[in-house]
Amino acid sequence: MLTKEEVVKLATLARIELTETEVEKFQRELSTVLDYVEELQQVNIDGVEEVSQVTGLVNVQRSDVAVLASNVDAIKGQAPELKDGYYKVKAIL
Protein backbone atom coordinates (compact mmCIF):
# COMPACT_ATOMS: atom_id res chain seq x y z
CA MET A 1 0.00 0.00 0.00
CA LEU A 2 1.21 3.49 -0.83
CA THR A 3 2.28 5.61 2.10
CA LYS A 4 0.78 9.02 2.78
CA GLU A 5 4.16 10.56 1.96
CA GLU A 6 4.15 8.91 -1.49
CA VAL A 7 0.66 10.22 -2.22
CA VAL A 8 1.68 13.72 -1.09
CA LYS A 9 4.78 13.52 -3.31
CA LEU A 10 2.67 12.46 -6.31
CA ALA A 11 0.24 15.30 -5.62
CA THR A 12 3.13 17.75 -5.42
CA LEU A 13 4.56 16.51 -8.72
CA ALA A 14 1.12 16.86 -10.31
CA ARG A 15 0.71 20.27 -8.68
CA ILE A 16 -2.48 19.19 -6.93
CA GLU A 17 -3.34 20.34 -3.44
CA LEU A 18 -4.97 17.61 -1.36
CA THR A 19 -6.68 17.72 1.99
CA GLU A 20 -5.85 15.08 4.59
CA THR A 21 -9.10 13.27 3.72
CA GLU A 22 -8.22 13.27 0.03
CA VAL A 23 -4.73 11.95 0.79
CA GLU A 24 -6.25 9.00 2.65
CA LYS A 25 -8.80 8.43 -0.12
CA PHE A 26 -6.15 8.47 -2.87
CA GLN A 27 -3.85 6.31 -0.78
CA ARG A 28 -6.46 3.54 -0.92
CA GLU A 29 -7.54 4.14 -4.54
CA LEU A 30 -4.04 4.41 -6.03
CA SER A 31 -2.94 1.32 -4.10
CA THR A 32 -5.88 -0.59 -5.59
CA VAL A 33 -4.92 0.51 -9.10
CA LEU A 34 -1.28 -0.44 -8.59
CA ASP A 35 -2.31 -3.84 -7.20
CA TYR A 36 -4.40 -4.43 -10.31
CA VAL A 37 -1.50 -3.44 -12.60
CA GLU A 38 0.75 -5.84 -10.72
CA GLU A 39 -1.84 -8.58 -11.24
CA LEU A 40 -2.00 -7.82 -14.97
CA GLN A 41 1.79 -8.05 -15.26
CA GLN A 42 1.59 -11.70 -14.23
CA VAL A 43 -0.67 -12.65 -17.16
CA ASN A 44 1.05 -14.84 -19.77
CA ILE A 45 0.96 -12.95 -23.08
CA ASP A 46 3.33 -15.18 -25.06
CA GLY A 47 2.10 -15.51 -28.63
CA VAL A 48 -0.43 -12.69 -28.30
CA GLU A 49 -0.19 -10.19 -31.13
CA GLU A 50 0.08 -6.51 -30.27
CA VAL A 51 -2.80 -4.37 -31.46
CA SER A 52 -3.05 -0.63 -31.55
CA GLN A 53 -6.58 -0.47 -32.93
CA VAL A 54 -9.33 -3.01 -32.44
CA THR A 55 -12.24 -1.69 -34.51
CA GLY A 56 -10.77 -2.52 -37.92
CA LEU A 57 -11.36 1.02 -39.15
CA VAL A 58 -8.88 2.45 -41.61
CA ASN A 59 -8.03 6.09 -42.13
CA VAL A 60 -9.25 6.91 -45.64
CA GLN A 61 -7.60 9.84 -47.33
CA ARG A 62 -7.49 10.87 -50.92
CA SER A 63 -4.23 12.00 -52.44
CA ASP A 64 -3.68 15.73 -52.28
CA VAL A 65 -3.80 16.71 -55.94
CA ALA A 66 -4.41 20.24 -57.16
CA VAL A 67 -7.18 20.41 -59.76
CA LEU A 68 -7.75 23.55 -61.77
CA ALA A 69 -11.41 24.46 -61.86
CA SER A 70 -12.78 25.03 -65.33
CA ASN A 71 -14.87 28.02 -64.27
CA VAL A 72 -12.18 30.15 -62.58
CA ASP A 73 -12.87 33.17 -64.80
CA ALA A 74 -16.60 33.01 -64.05
CA ILE A 75 -15.92 32.88 -60.32
CA LYS A 76 -13.42 35.73 -60.45
CA GLY A 77 -15.94 37.72 -62.45
CA GLN A 78 -18.26 37.70 -59.44
CA ALA A 79 -15.64 39.26 -57.14
CA PRO A 80 -16.24 42.90 -56.20
CA GLU A 81 -12.61 43.81 -56.93
CA LEU A 82 -9.52 42.12 -58.37
CA LYS A 83 -5.89 43.21 -58.42
CA ASP A 84 -3.27 41.42 -60.55
CA GLY A 85 -5.62 38.43 -60.91
CA TYR A 86 -6.17 38.05 -57.14
CA TYR A 87 -9.16 38.94 -54.98
CA LYS A 88 -8.73 42.32 -53.33
CA VAL A 89 -10.01 42.51 -49.76
CA LYS A 90 -9.77 45.02 -46.95
CA ALA A 91 -6.82 44.69 -44.59
CA ILE A 92 -7.82 43.14 -41.30
CA LEU A 93 -4.78 44.03 -39.23
PDB file of N, CA and C in Angstrom:
ATOM      1  N   MET A   1       0.844  -1.180   0.000  1.00  0.00           N
ATOM      2  CA  MET A   1       0.000   0.000   0.000  1.00  0.00           C
ATOM      3  C   MET A   1       0.887   1.241   0.000  1.00  0.00           C
ATOM      4  N   LEU A   2       0.468   2.240  -0.780  1.00  0.00           N
ATOM      5  CA  LEU A   2       1.214   3.492  -0.826  1.00  0.00           C
ATOM      6  C   LEU A   2       1.172   4.178   0.538  1.00  0.00           C
ATOM      7  N   THR A   3       2.260   4.838   0.855  1.00  0.00           N
ATOM      8  CA  THR A   3       2.282   5.606   2.097  1.00  0.00           C
ATOM      9  C   THR A   3       1.685   6.986   1.837  1.00  0.00           C
ATOM     10  N   LYS A   4       1.318   7.664   2.913  1.00  0.00           N
ATOM     11  CA  LYS A   4       0.782   9.021   2.778  1.00  0.00           C
ATOM     12  C   LYS A   4       1.828   9.942   2.148  1.00  0.00           C
ATOM     13  N   GLU A   5       3.088   9.726   2.510  1.00  0.00           N
ATOM     14  CA  GLU A   5       4.159  10.558   1.962  1.00  0.00           C
ATOM     15  C   GLU A   5       4.271  10.388   0.449  1.00  0.00           C
ATOM     16  N   GLU A   6       4.094   9.155  -0.041  1.00  0.00           N
ATOM     17  CA  GLU A   6       4.148   8.908  -1.487  1.00  0.00           C
ATOM     18  C   GLU A   6       2.993   9.600  -2.205  1.00  0.00           C
ATOM     19  N   VAL A   7       1.814   9.559  -1.620  1.00  0.00           N
ATOM     20  CA  VAL A   7       0.656  10.223  -2.222  1.00  0.00           C
ATOM     21  C   VAL A   7       0.874  11.731  -2.246  1.00  0.00           C
ATOM     22  N   VAL A   8       1.399  12.280  -1.148  1.00  0.00           N
ATOM     23  CA  VAL A   8       1.678  13.725  -1.092  1.00  0.00           C
ATOM     24  C   VAL A   8       2.727  14.097  -2.133  1.00  0.00           C
ATOM     25  N   LYS A   9       3.749  13.247  -2.305  1.00  0.00           N
ATOM     26  CA  LYS A   9       4.783  13.522  -3.306  1.00  0.00           C
ATOM     27  C   LYS A   9       4.187  13.505  -4.720  1.00  0.00           C
ATOM     28  N   LEU A  10       3.326  12.505  -4.997  1.00  0.00           N
ATOM     29  CA  LEU A  10       2.665  12.455  -6.309  1.00  0.00           C
ATOM     30  C   LEU A  10       1.800  13.691  -6.538  1.00  0.00           C
ATOM     31  N   ALA A  11       1.089  14.104  -5.514  1.00  0.00           N
ATOM     32  CA  ALA A  11       0.242  15.300  -5.624  1.00  0.00           C
ATOM     33  C   ALA A  11       1.096  16.538  -5.877  1.00  0.00           C
ATOM     34  N   THR A  12       2.236  16.610  -5.221  1.00  0.00           N
ATOM     35  CA  THR A  12       3.135  17.750  -5.420  1.00  0.00           C
ATOM     36  C   THR A  12       3.659  17.766  -6.849  1.00  0.00           C
ATOM     37  N   LEU A  13       4.062  16.598  -7.348  1.00  0.00           N
ATOM     38  CA  LEU A  13       4.565  16.512  -8.722  1.00  0.00           C
ATOM     39  C   LEU A  13       3.485  16.898  -9.735  1.00  0.00           C
ATOM     40  N   ALA A  14       2.235  16.542  -9.423  1.00  0.00           N
ATOM     41  CA  ALA A  14       1.118  16.863 -10.313  1.00  0.00           C
ATOM     42  C   ALA A  14       0.560  18.258 -10.044  1.00  0.00           C
ATOM     43  N   ARG A  15       1.155  18.928  -9.073  1.00  0.00           N
ATOM     44  CA  ARG A  15       0.713  20.273  -8.680  1.00  0.00           C
ATOM     45  C   ARG A  15      -0.765  20.283  -8.271  1.00  0.00           C
ATOM     46  N   ILE A  16      -1.118  19.311  -7.435  1.00  0.00           N
ATOM     47  CA  ILE A  16      -2.483  19.189  -6.926  1.00  0.00           C
ATOM     48  C   ILE A  16      -2.430  19.341  -5.414  1.00  0.00           C
ATOM     49  N   GLU A  17      -3.250  20.207  -4.893  1.00  0.00           N
ATOM     50  CA  GLU A  17      -3.342  20.345  -3.441  1.00  0.00           C
ATOM     51  C   GLU A  17      -4.404  19.380  -2.933  1.00  0.00           C
ATOM     52  N   LEU A  18      -4.044  18.594  -1.929  1.00  0.00           N
ATOM     53  CA  LEU A  18      -4.966  17.612  -1.364  1.00  0.00           C
ATOM     54  C   LEU A  18      -5.167  17.877   0.122  1.00  0.00           C
ATOM     55  N   THR A  19      -6.396  17.671   0.558  1.00  0.00           N
ATOM     56  CA  THR A  19      -6.676  17.719   1.992  1.00  0.00           C
ATOM     57  C   THR A  19      -6.251  16.386   2.596  1.00  0.00           C
ATOM     58  N   GLU A  20      -6.229  16.317   3.914  1.00  0.00           N
ATOM     59  CA  GLU A  20      -5.854  15.075   4.586  1.00  0.00           C
ATOM     60  C   GLU A  20      -6.818  13.944   4.220  1.00  0.00           C
ATOM     61  N   THR A  21      -8.099  14.271   4.104  1.00  0.00           N
ATOM     62  CA  THR A  21      -9.103  13.275   3.716  1.00  0.00           C
ATOM     63  C   THR A  21      -8.840  12.753   2.309  1.00  0.00           C
ATOM     64  N   GLU A  22      -8.502  13.674   1.409  1.00  0.00           N
ATOM     65  CA  GLU A  22      -8.219  13.269   0.027  1.00  0.00           C
ATOM     66  C   GLU A  22      -6.955  12.420  -0.044  1.00  0.00           C
ATOM     67  N   VAL A  23      -5.957  12.750   0.771  1.00  0.00           N
ATOM     68  CA  VAL A  23      -4.731  11.952   0.791  1.00  0.00           C
ATOM     69  C   VAL A  23      -5.052  10.517   1.181  1.00  0.00           C
ATOM     70  N   GLU A  24      -5.870  10.345   2.210  1.00  0.00           N
ATOM     71  CA  GLU A  24      -6.250   9.000   2.649  1.00  0.00           C
ATOM     72  C   GLU A  24      -7.058   8.275   1.572  1.00  0.00           C
ATOM     73  N   LYS A  25      -7.974   9.018   0.939  1.00  0.00           N
ATOM     74  CA  LYS A  25      -8.801   8.427  -0.121  1.00  0.00           C
ATOM     75  C   LYS A  25      -7.924   7.952  -1.286  1.00  0.00           C
ATOM     76  N   PHE A  26      -7.007   8.823  -1.743  1.00  0.00           N
ATOM     77  CA  PHE A  26      -6.151   8.466  -2.871  1.00  0.00           C
ATOM     78  C   PHE A  26      -5.130   7.413  -2.488  1.00  0.00           C
ATOM     79  N   GLN A  27      -4.756   7.353  -1.232  1.00  0.00           N
ATOM     80  CA  GLN A  27      -3.845   6.308  -0.779  1.00  0.00           C
ATOM     81  C   GLN A  27      -4.478   4.939  -1.029  1.00  0.00           C
ATOM     82  N   ARG A  28      -5.757   4.799  -0.688  1.00  0.00           N
ATOM     83  CA  ARG A  28      -6.459   3.536  -0.920  1.00  0.00           C
ATOM     84  C   ARG A  28      -6.673   3.295  -2.420  1.00  0.00           C
ATOM     85  N   GLU A  29      -7.180   4.321  -3.127  1.00  0.00           N
ATOM     86  CA  GLU A  29      -7.535   4.140  -4.542  1.00  0.00           C
ATOM     87  C   GLU A  29      -6.311   3.866  -5.421  1.00  0.00           C
ATOM     88  N   LEU A  30      -5.244   4.620  -5.218  1.00  0.00           N
ATOM     89  CA  LEU A  30      -4.038   4.410  -6.026  1.00  0.00           C
ATOM     90  C   LEU A  30      -3.405   3.056  -5.711  1.00  0.00           C
ATOM     91  N   SER A  31      -3.466   2.644  -4.465  1.00  0.00           N
ATOM     92  CA  SER A  31      -2.937   1.322  -4.101  1.00  0.00           C
ATOM     93  C   SER A  31      -3.726   0.226  -4.802  1.00  0.00           C
ATOM     94  N   THR A  32      -5.036   0.392  -4.898  1.00  0.00           N
ATOM     95  CA  THR A  32      -5.877  -0.588  -5.591  1.00  0.00           C
ATOM     96  C   THR A  32      -5.505  -0.672  -7.068  1.00  0.00           C
ATOM     97  N   VAL A  33      -5.299   0.483  -7.684  1.00  0.00           N
ATOM     98  CA  VAL A  33      -4.917   0.510  -9.102  1.00  0.00           C
ATOM     99  C   VAL A  33      -3.567  -0.162  -9.297  1.00  0.00           C
ATOM    100  N   LEU A  34      -2.608   0.158  -8.462  1.00  0.00           N
ATOM    101  CA  LEU A  34      -1.278  -0.439  -8.594  1.00  0.00           C
ATOM    102  C   LEU A  34      -1.315  -1.952  -8.347  1.00  0.00           C
ATOM    103  N   ASP A  35      -2.146  -2.400  -7.422  1.00  0.00           N
ATOM    104  CA  ASP A  35      -2.305  -3.842  -7.196  1.00  0.00           C
ATOM    105  C   ASP A  35      -2.860  -4.520  -8.445  1.00  0.00           C
ATOM    106  N   TYR A  36      -3.819  -3.868  -9.099  1.00  0.00           N
ATOM    107  CA  TYR A  36      -4.401  -4.431 -10.315  1.00  0.00           C
ATOM    108  C   TYR A  36      -3.364  -4.495 -11.435  1.00  0.00           C
ATOM    109  N   VAL A  37      -2.549  -3.451 -11.574  1.00  0.00           N
ATOM    110  CA  VAL A  37      -1.500  -3.441 -12.601  1.00  0.00           C
ATOM    111  C   VAL A  37      -0.509  -4.561 -12.337  1.00  0.00           C
ATOM    112  N   GLU A  38      -0.166  -4.761 -11.074  1.00  0.00           N
ATOM    113  CA  GLU A  38       0.750  -5.843 -10.720  1.00  0.00           C
ATOM    114  C   GLU A  38       0.148  -7.203 -11.090  1.00  0.00           C
ATOM    115  N   GLU A  39      -1.148  -7.345 -10.874  1.00  0.00           N
ATOM    116  CA  GLU A  39      -1.842  -8.584 -11.236  1.00  0.00           C
ATOM    117  C   GLU A  39      -1.824  -8.785 -12.756  1.00  0.00           C
ATOM    118  N   LEU A  40      -2.018  -7.716 -13.513  1.00  0.00           N
ATOM    119  CA  LEU A  40      -1.997  -7.816 -14.975  1.00  0.00           C
ATOM    120  C   LEU A  40      -0.615  -8.184 -15.495  1.00  0.00           C
ATOM    121  N   GLN A  41       0.428  -7.750 -14.811  1.00  0.00           N
ATOM    122  CA  GLN A  41       1.787  -8.046 -15.265  1.00  0.00           C
ATOM    123  C   GLN A  41       2.101  -9.533 -15.167  1.00  0.00           C
ATOM    124  N   GLN A  42       1.338 -10.273 -14.392  1.00  0.00           N
ATOM    125  CA  GLN A  42       1.586 -11.700 -14.232  1.00  0.00           C
ATOM    126  C   GLN A  42       0.856 -12.546 -15.273  1.00  0.00           C
ATOM    127  N   VAL A  43       0.056 -11.919 -16.123  1.00  0.00           N
ATOM    128  CA  VAL A  43      -0.672 -12.649 -17.162  1.00  0.00           C
ATOM    129  C   VAL A  43       0.307 -13.072 -18.256  1.00  0.00           C
ATOM    130  N   ASN A  44       0.192 -14.324 -18.707  1.00  0.00           N
ATOM    131  CA  ASN A  44       1.045 -14.839 -19.769  1.00  0.00           C
ATOM    132  C   ASN A  44       0.541 -14.324 -21.111  1.00  0.00           C
ATOM    133  N   ILE A  45       1.359 -13.520 -21.791  1.00  0.00           N
ATOM    134  CA  ILE A  45       0.957 -12.954 -23.082  1.00  0.00           C
ATOM    135  C   ILE A  45       1.829 -13.478 -24.224  1.00  0.00           C
ATOM    136  N   ASP A  46       2.501 -14.592 -24.000  1.00  0.00           N
ATOM    137  CA  ASP A  46       3.325 -15.183 -25.057  1.00  0.00           C
ATOM    138  C   ASP A  46       2.436 -15.562 -26.228  1.00  0.00           C
ATOM    139  N   GLY A  47       2.838 -15.172 -27.422  1.00  0.00           N
ATOM    140  CA  GLY A  47       2.097 -15.515 -28.628  1.00  0.00           C
ATOM    141  C   GLY A  47       0.905 -14.606 -28.906  1.00  0.00           C
ATOM    142  N   VAL A  48       0.686 -13.620 -28.077  1.00  0.00           N
ATOM    143  CA  VAL A  48      -0.426 -12.693 -28.301  1.00  0.00           C
ATOM    144  C   VAL A  48       0.094 -11.530 -29.131  1.00  0.00           C
ATOM    145  N   GLU A  49      -0.607 -11.273 -30.242  1.00  0.00           N
ATOM    146  CA  GLU A  49      -0.188 -10.194 -31.132  1.00  0.00           C
ATOM    147  C   GLU A  49      -0.542  -8.832 -30.557  1.00  0.00           C
ATOM    148  N   GLU A  50       0.366  -7.874 -30.716  1.00  0.00           N
ATOM    149  CA  GLU A  50       0.083  -6.510 -30.272  1.00  0.00           C
ATOM    150  C   GLU A  50      -0.936  -5.872 -31.205  1.00  0.00           C
ATOM    151  N   VAL A  51      -1.842  -5.114 -30.647  1.00  0.00           N
ATOM    152  CA  VAL A  51      -2.803  -4.372 -31.456  1.00  0.00           C
ATOM    153  C   VAL A  51      -2.819  -2.933 -30.976  1.00  0.00           C
ATOM    154  N   SER A  52      -2.956  -2.036 -31.923  1.00  0.00           N
ATOM    155  CA  SER A  52      -3.050  -0.634 -31.553  1.00  0.00           C
ATOM    156  C   SER A  52      -4.430  -0.090 -31.868  1.00  0.00           C
ATOM    157  N   GLN A  53      -5.233  -0.904 -32.531  1.00  0.00           N
ATOM    158  CA  GLN A  53      -6.576  -0.469 -32.930  1.00  0.00           C
ATOM    159  C   GLN A  53      -7.425  -1.713 -33.108  1.00  0.00           C
ATOM    160  N   VAL A  54      -8.555  -1.766 -32.445  1.00  0.00           N
ATOM    161  CA  VAL A  54      -9.325  -3.006 -32.437  1.00  0.00           C
ATOM    162  C   VAL A  54     -10.610  -2.948 -33.251  1.00  0.00           C
ATOM    163  N   THR A  55     -10.966  -1.804 -33.805  1.00  0.00           N
ATOM    164  CA  THR A  55     -12.240  -1.692 -34.510  1.00  0.00           C
ATOM    165  C   THR A  55     -12.147  -2.104 -35.971  1.00  0.00           C
ATOM    166  N   GLY A  56     -10.922  -2.160 -36.518  1.00  0.00           N
ATOM    167  CA  GLY A  56     -10.774  -2.518 -37.921  1.00  0.00           C
ATOM    168  C   GLY A  56     -10.948  -1.337 -38.866  1.00  0.00           C
ATOM    169  N   LEU A  57     -11.192  -0.156 -38.296  1.00  0.00           N
ATOM    170  CA  LEU A  57     -11.362   1.023 -39.149  1.00  0.00           C
ATOM    171  C   LEU A  57     -10.027   1.438 -39.743  1.00  0.00           C
ATOM    172  N   VAL A  58     -10.076   2.002 -40.917  1.00  0.00           N
ATOM    173  CA  VAL A  58      -8.877   2.447 -41.606  1.00  0.00           C
ATOM    174  C   VAL A  58      -9.046   3.921 -41.949  1.00  0.00           C
ATOM    175  N   ASN A  59      -7.986   4.674 -41.794  1.00  0.00           N
ATOM    176  CA  ASN A  59      -8.033   6.088 -42.129  1.00  0.00           C
ATOM    177  C   ASN A  59      -8.037   6.224 -43.646  1.00  0.00           C
ATOM    178  N   VAL A  60      -9.111   6.776 -44.199  1.00  0.00           N
ATOM    179  CA  VAL A  60      -9.245   6.906 -45.642  1.00  0.00           C
ATOM    180  C   VAL A  60      -8.950   8.346 -46.026  1.00  0.00           C
ATOM    181  N   GLN A  61      -7.955   8.507 -46.859  1.00  0.00           N
ATOM    182  CA  GLN A  61      -7.596   9.840 -47.333  1.00  0.00           C
ATOM    183  C   GLN A  61      -7.359   9.767 -48.838  1.00  0.00           C
ATOM    184  N   ARG A  62      -7.784  10.814 -49.496  1.00  0.00           N
ATOM    185  CA  ARG A  62      -7.485  10.874 -50.922  1.00  0.00           C
ATOM    186  C   ARG A  62      -6.139  11.565 -51.089  1.00  0.00           C
ATOM    187  N   SER A  63      -5.504  11.326 -52.204  1.00  0.00           N
ATOM    188  CA  SER A  63      -4.228  11.997 -52.437  1.00  0.00           C
ATOM    189  C   SER A  63      -4.480  13.485 -52.651  1.00  0.00           C
ATOM    190  N   ASP A  64      -3.554  14.284 -52.203  1.00  0.00           N
ATOM    191  CA  ASP A  64      -3.683  15.730 -52.278  1.00  0.00           C
ATOM    192  C   ASP A  64      -3.195  16.197 -53.646  1.00  0.00           C
ATOM    193  N   VAL A  65      -4.141  16.332 -54.573  1.00  0.00           N
ATOM    194  CA  VAL A  65      -3.801  16.714 -55.938  1.00  0.00           C
ATOM    195  C   VAL A  65      -4.535  18.004 -56.276  1.00  0.00           C
ATOM    196  N   ALA A  66      -3.790  18.981 -56.768  1.00  0.00           N
ATOM    197  CA  ALA A  66      -4.409  20.241 -57.164  1.00  0.00           C
ATOM    198  C   ALA A  66      -5.140  20.046 -58.486  1.00  0.00           C
ATOM    199  N   VAL A  67      -6.376  20.520 -58.545  1.00  0.00           N
ATOM    200  CA  VAL A  67      -7.178  20.410 -59.756  1.00  0.00           C
ATOM    201  C   VAL A  67      -7.646  21.805 -60.127  1.00  0.00           C
ATOM    202  N   LEU A  68      -7.347  22.227 -61.318  1.00  0.00           N
ATOM    203  CA  LEU A  68      -7.746  23.551 -61.768  1.00  0.00           C
ATOM    204  C   LEU A  68      -9.216  23.524 -62.167  1.00  0.00           C
ATOM    205  N   ALA A  69      -9.978  24.395 -61.544  1.00  0.00           N
ATOM    206  CA  ALA A  69     -11.406  24.463 -61.856  1.00  0.00           C
ATOM    207  C   ALA A  69     -11.587  25.064 -63.242  1.00  0.00           C
ATOM    208  N   SER A  70     -12.567  24.563 -63.962  1.00  0.00           N
ATOM    209  CA  SER A  70     -12.783  25.029 -65.334  1.00  0.00           C
ATOM    210  C   SER A  70     -13.489  26.378 -65.369  1.00  0.00           C
ATOM    211  N   ASN A  71     -14.103  26.779 -64.270  1.00  0.00           N
ATOM    212  CA  ASN A  71     -14.874  28.024 -64.271  1.00  0.00           C
ATOM    213  C   ASN A  71     -14.231  29.115 -63.419  1.00  0.00           C
ATOM    214  N   VAL A  72     -12.894  29.164 -63.393  1.00  0.00           N
ATOM    215  CA  VAL A  72     -12.184  30.154 -62.583  1.00  0.00           C
ATOM    216  C   VAL A  72     -12.542  31.568 -63.023  1.00  0.00           C
ATOM    217  N   ASP A  73     -12.586  31.808 -64.314  1.00  0.00           N
ATOM    218  CA  ASP A  73     -12.873  33.166 -64.802  1.00  0.00           C
ATOM    219  C   ASP A  73     -14.281  33.599 -64.407  1.00  0.00           C
ATOM    220  N   ALA A  74     -15.235  32.677 -64.441  1.00  0.00           N
ATOM    221  CA  ALA A  74     -16.605  33.010 -64.049  1.00  0.00           C
ATOM    222  C   ALA A  74     -16.669  33.344 -62.564  1.00  0.00           C
ATOM    223  N   ILE A  75     -15.927  32.614 -61.759  1.00  0.00           N
ATOM    224  CA  ILE A  75     -15.918  32.875 -60.316  1.00  0.00           C
ATOM    225  C   ILE A  75     -15.250  34.206 -60.028  1.00  0.00           C
ATOM    226  N   LYS A  76     -14.109  34.459 -60.666  1.00  0.00           N
ATOM    227  CA  LYS A  76     -13.419  35.731 -60.447  1.00  0.00           C
ATOM    228  C   LYS A  76     -14.256  36.902 -60.943  1.00  0.00           C
ATOM    229  N   GLY A  77     -15.074  36.664 -61.930  1.00  0.00           N
ATOM    230  CA  GLY A  77     -15.938  37.723 -62.453  1.00  0.00           C
ATOM    231  C   GLY A  77     -16.985  38.171 -61.448  1.00  0.00           C
ATOM    232  N   GLN A  78     -17.278  37.345 -60.463  1.00  0.00           N
ATOM    233  CA  GLN A  78     -18.259  37.698 -59.441  1.00  0.00           C
ATOM    234  C   GLN A  78     -17.646  38.466 -58.277  1.00  0.00           C
ATOM    235  N   ALA A  79     -16.314  38.561 -58.245  1.00  0.00           N
ATOM    236  CA  ALA A  79     -15.642  39.260 -57.145  1.00  0.00           C
ATOM    237  C   ALA A  79     -15.855  40.757 -57.275  1.00  0.00           C
ATOM    238  N   PRO A  80     -16.034  41.452 -56.146  1.00  0.00           N
ATOM    239  CA  PRO A  80     -16.241  42.898 -56.203  1.00  0.00           C
ATOM    240  C   PRO A  80     -15.024  43.635 -56.765  1.00  0.00           C
ATOM    241  N   GLU A  81     -13.800  43.118 -56.454  1.00  0.00           N
ATOM    242  CA  GLU A  81     -12.612  43.811 -56.929  1.00  0.00           C
ATOM    243  C   GLU A  81     -11.452  42.825 -57.051  1.00  0.00           C
ATOM    244  N   LEU A  82     -10.696  42.955 -58.144  1.00  0.00           N
ATOM    245  CA  LEU A  82      -9.521  42.122 -58.373  1.00  0.00           C
ATOM    246  C   LEU A  82      -8.310  43.015 -58.548  1.00  0.00           C
ATOM    247  N   LYS A  83      -7.144  42.492 -58.188  1.00  0.00           N
ATOM    248  CA  LYS A  83      -5.892  43.213 -58.425  1.00  0.00           C
ATOM    249  C   LYS A  83      -4.846  42.191 -58.830  1.00  0.00           C
ATOM    250  N   ASP A  84      -4.288  42.334 -59.999  1.00  0.00           N
ATOM    251  CA  ASP A  84      -3.274  41.422 -60.551  1.00  0.00           C
ATOM    252  C   ASP A  84      -3.763  39.969 -60.562  1.00  0.00           C
ATOM    253  N   GLY A  85      -5.054  39.770 -60.808  1.00  0.00           N
ATOM    254  CA  GLY A  85      -5.618  38.432 -60.908  1.00  0.00           C
ATOM    255  C   GLY A  85      -5.990  37.807 -59.566  1.00  0.00           C
ATOM    256  N   TYR A  86      -5.829  38.560 -58.473  1.00  0.00           N
ATOM    257  CA  TYR A  86      -6.167  38.055 -57.138  1.00  0.00           C
ATOM    258  C   TYR A  86      -7.338  38.847 -56.572  1.00  0.00           C
ATOM    259  N   TYR A  87      -8.057  38.250 -55.633  1.00  0.00           N
ATOM    260  CA  TYR A  87      -9.158  38.943 -54.978  1.00  0.00           C
ATOM    261  C   TYR A  87      -8.585  40.049 -54.092  1.00  0.00           C
ATOM    262  N   LYS A  88      -9.172  41.209 -54.169  1.00  0.00           N
ATOM    263  CA  LYS A  88      -8.726  42.315 -53.331  1.00  0.00           C
ATOM    264  C   LYS A  88      -9.718  42.439 -52.176  1.00  0.00           C
ATOM    265  N   VAL A  89      -9.180  42.389 -50.953  1.00  0.00           N
ATOM    266  CA  VAL A  89     -10.010  42.506 -49.758  1.00  0.00           C
ATOM    267  C   VAL A  89      -9.424  43.560 -48.838  1.00  0.00           C
ATOM    268  N   LYS A  90     -10.247  44.034 -47.911  1.00  0.00           N
ATOM    269  CA  LYS A  90      -9.771  45.024 -46.949  1.00  0.00           C
ATOM    270  C   LYS A  90      -8.771  44.385 -45.999  1.00  0.00           C
ATOM    271  N   ALA A  91      -7.801  45.181 -45.576  1.00  0.00           N
ATOM    272  CA  ALA A  91      -6.822  44.693 -44.589  1.00  0.00           C
ATOM    273  C   ALA A  91      -7.529  44.474 -43.261  1.00  0.00           C
ATOM    274  N   ILE A  92      -7.165  43.427 -42.580  1.00  0.00           N
ATOM    275  CA  ILE A  92      -7.816  43.145 -41.298  1.00  0.00           C
ATOM    276  C   ILE A  92      -6.925  43.424 -40.099  1.00  0.00           C
ATOM    277  N   LEU A  93      -5.678  43.723 -40.338  1.00  0.00           N
ATOM    278  CA  LEU A  93      -4.784  44.026 -39.229  1.00  0.00           C
ATOM    279  C   LEU A  93      -4.407  45.479 -39.222  1.00  0.00           C
TER     280      LEU A  93
END
